[in-house]
Amino acid sequence: MAANDEVAWLFELELKPDRRADFDALVPEMVASTSREEGARAYGVFRNDESNTVCVYERYADSAAALTHMTIFGEKFAGRFMDLVSPVRFTVLGSPTEELVGALTPIGAVVHQQIDGFTAERP
């Protein structure tokens, strides 16, 4: 199968003690902002209350869209977001460009190249 240009990631994080309300207040802002970005295909925030962890799943049309998101997120949210969480694991899926890998590696990303699969866009 030929690889496509999409890039996705799953960022697993632990909520810092007593910061859940602040995190819950920030999430709608992050989602609304990302929903307006060209090339943003999916953005979901998930929480496991038993382990006090959250996962952020993101999917972008290509590396350029992911880099644009990183720039916007960095300017608007990164400081507040990272004040509320501690990173656990950052898994990147797809074929990111060297530029995107260079931007993601310092924040702990591990890239997994696609070897097979498909994406079906269904109504």
Foldseek 3Di string as FASTA:
>chain_A
DDFAAKKKKKWKWAFDPPCVVVVVVCVVVLVVVLVPQPFWDDWDKAADVVRRMIMIITMGRHQVSVVVSVVVCVVPPPVVVCVGIDTDAMEMEADHDPVSCVVCVVVHYDYDYDDDDDDDDDD
